[in-house]
């Protein structure tokens, strides 16, 4: 994982109050996978997350951290190849 990706994961952890182990983070290459992981992590700690709200919050973090346009943040966007994170 490059620096941009590490910083993105850290920002996501902070936003959602979860921990994403490096071994898991390395396998979360597409934003939809990251979203699903966050939902699962929140449910495991007993929360009942609204998936739309989680997506909106995730999108804001991605735009802020990577400097991409909001329209580029899609469930199928690859963090490295589509969003140019290193």
C-alpha atoms as a PDB file:
ATOM      1  CA  UNK A   1       0.000   0.000   0.000  1.00  0.00           C
ATOM      2  CA  UNK A   2       1.200   3.444  -0.887  1.00  0.00           C
ATOM      3  CA  UNK A   3       1.097   6.492   1.340  1.00  0.00           C
ATOM      4  CA  UNK A   4      -2.167   7.830  -0.135  1.00  0.00           C
ATOM      5  CA  UNK A   5      -3.881   4.523   0.500  1.00  0.00           C
ATOM      6  CA  UNK A   6      -2.548   4.257   4.054  1.00  0.00           C
ATOM      7  CA  UNK A   7      -3.725   7.790   4.821  1.00  0.00           C
ATOM      8  CA  UNK A   8      -7.136   7.018   3.294  1.00  0.00           C
ATOM      9  CA  UNK A   9      -7.522   3.916   5.455  1.00  0.00           C
ATOM     10  CA  UNK A  10      -6.505   5.886   8.551  1.00  0.00           C
ATOM     11  CA  UNK A  11      -9.042   8.612   7.755  1.00  0.00           C
ATOM     12  CA  UNK A  12     -11.768   5.982   7.266  1.00  0.00           C
ATOM     13  CA  UNK A  13     -10.862   4.358  10.578  1.00  0.00           C
ATOM     14  CA  UNK A  14     -11.124   7.722  12.306  1.00  0.00           C
ATOM     15  CA  UNK A  15     -14.398   8.675  10.613  1.00  0.00           C
ATOM     16  CA  UNK A  16     -16.132   5.430  11.534  1.00  0.00           C
ATOM     17  CA  UNK A  17     -14.335   4.557  14.762  1.00  0.00           C
ATOM     18  CA  UNK A  18     -13.187   1.186  13.449  1.00  0.00           C
ATOM     19  CA  UNK A  19      -9.870  -0.560  12.927  1.00  0.00           C
ATOM     20  CA  UNK A  20      -8.946  -2.034   9.574  1.00  0.00           C
ATOM     21  CA  UNK A  21      -6.018  -4.445   9.894  1.00  0.00           C
ATOM     22  CA  UNK A  22      -3.381  -4.088   7.172  1.00  0.00           C
ATOM     23  CA  UNK A  23      -4.125  -7.588   5.931  1.00  0.00           C
ATOM     24  CA  UNK A  24      -7.756  -6.604   5.355  1.00  0.00           C
ATOM     25  CA  UNK A  25      -6.945  -3.156   3.942  1.00  0.00           C
ATOM     26  CA  UNK A  26      -4.728  -4.689   1.262  1.00  0.00           C
ATOM     27  CA  UNK A  27      -7.745  -6.625  -0.045  1.00  0.00           C
ATOM     28  CA  UNK A  28     -10.111  -3.636  -0.141  1.00  0.00           C
ATOM     29  CA  UNK A  29      -9.203  -2.220  -3.538  1.00  0.00           C
ATOM     30  CA  UNK A  30     -12.657  -1.131  -4.718  1.00  0.00           C
ATOM     31  CA  UNK A  31     -14.784   1.435  -2.878  1.00  0.00           C
ATOM     32  CA  UNK A  32     -17.806  -0.870  -2.823  1.00  0.00           C
ATOM     33  CA  UNK A  33     -15.715  -3.461  -0.983  1.00  0.00           C
ATOM     34  CA  UNK A  34     -14.579  -0.797   1.482  1.00  0.00           C
ATOM     35  CA  UNK A  35     -18.194   0.273   2.039  1.00  0.00           C
ATOM     36  CA  UNK A  36     -19.298  -3.314   2.679  1.00  0.00           C
ATOM     37  CA  UNK A  37     -16.372  -3.816   5.076  1.00  0.00           C
ATOM     38  CA  UNK A  38     -17.346  -0.704   7.044  1.00  0.00           C
ATOM     39  CA  UNK A  39     -20.981  -1.836   7.258  1.00  0.00           C
ATOM     40  CA  UNK A  40     -19.876  -5.250   8.533  1.00  0.00           C
ATOM     41  CA  UNK A  41     -17.475  -3.737  11.081  1.00  0.00           C
ATOM     42  CA  UNK A  42     -20.177  -1.404  12.409  1.00  0.00           C
ATOM     43  CA  UNK A  43     -22.659  -4.271  12.703  1.00  0.00           C
ATOM     44  CA  UNK A  44     -20.117  -6.417  14.507  1.00  0.00           C
ATOM     45  CA  UNK A  45     -19.792  -3.797  17.203  1.00  0.00           C
ATOM     46  CA  UNK A  46     -23.569  -3.670  17.590  1.00  0.00           C
ATOM     47  CA  UNK A  47     -24.448  -0.646  15.484  1.00  0.00           C
ATOM     48  CA  UNK A  48     -27.282  -0.616  12.955  1.00  0.00           C
ATOM     49  CA  UNK A  49     -25.741   1.547  10.221  1.00  0.00           C
ATOM     50  CA  UNK A  50     -27.729   3.221   7.474  1.00  0.00           C
ATOM     51  CA  UNK A  51     -25.941   2.093   4.316  1.00  0.00           C
ATOM     52  CA  UNK A  52     -26.709   5.302   2.429  1.00  0.00           C
ATOM     53  CA  UNK A  53     -25.334   7.438   5.237  1.00  0.00           C
ATOM     54  CA  UNK A  54     -22.202   5.305   5.439  1.00  0.00           C
ATOM     55  CA  UNK A  55     -21.695   5.694   1.682  1.00  0.00           C
ATOM     56  CA  UNK A  56     -22.075   9.485   1.923  1.00  0.00           C
ATOM     57  CA  UNK A  57     -19.570   9.710   4.777  1.00  0.00           C
ATOM     58  CA  UNK A  58     -17.139   7.399   2.968  1.00  0.00           C
ATOM     59  CA  UNK A  59     -17.463   9.493  -0.190  1.00  0.00           C
ATOM     60  CA  UNK A  60     -16.635  12.690   1.696  1.00  0.00           C
ATOM     61  CA  UNK A  61     -13.529  11.078   3.203  1.00  0.00           C
ATOM     62  CA  UNK A  62     -12.363   9.815  -0.197  1.00  0.00           C
ATOM     63  CA  UNK A  63     -12.857  13.217  -1.861  1.00  0.00           C
ATOM     64  CA  UNK A  64     -11.036  14.989   0.942  1.00  0.00           C
ATOM     65  CA  UNK A  65      -8.133  12.542   1.207  1.00  0.00           C
ATOM     66  CA  UNK A  66      -7.513  11.898  -2.480  1.00  0.00           C
ATOM     67  CA  UNK A  67      -8.625  15.213  -3.960  1.00  0.00           C
ATOM     68  CA  UNK A  68     -10.916  13.533  -6.488  1.00  0.00           C
ATOM     69  CA  UNK A  69     -14.202  14.803  -7.831  1.00  0.00           C
ATOM     70  CA  UNK A  70     -17.333  13.549  -6.060  1.00  0.00           C
ATOM     71  CA  UNK A  71     -18.645  12.119  -9.348  1.00  0.00           C
ATOM     72  CA  UNK A  72     -15.576   9.838  -9.505  1.00  0.00           C
ATOM     73  CA  UNK A  73     -16.463   8.205  -6.199  1.00  0.00           C
ATOM     74  CA  UNK A  74     -18.492   5.159  -7.198  1.00  0.00           C
ATOM     75  CA  UNK A  75     -18.952   1.682  -5.772  1.00  0.00           C
ATOM     76  CA  UNK A  76     -16.902   0.270  -8.661  1.00  0.00           C
ATOM     77  CA  UNK A  77     -14.047   2.789  -8.422  1.00  0.00           C
ATOM     78  CA  UNK A  78     -10.695   1.130  -7.814  1.00  0.00           C
ATOM     79  CA  UNK A  79      -8.756   3.125  -5.224  1.00  0.00           C
ATOM     80  CA  UNK A  80      -5.430   2.918  -7.059  1.00  0.00           C
ATOM     81  CA  UNK A  81      -6.370   2.611 -10.733  1.00  0.00           C
ATOM     82  CA  UNK A  82      -9.443   4.866 -10.903  1.00  0.00           C
ATOM     83  CA  UNK A  83      -8.778   7.307  -8.085  1.00  0.00           C
ATOM     84  CA  UNK A  84      -4.991   7.432  -8.525  1.00  0.00           C
ATOM     85  CA  UNK A  85      -4.058   6.718  -4.912  1.00  0.00           C
ATOM     86  CA  UNK A  86      -0.520   5.435  -4.581  1.00  0.00           C
END
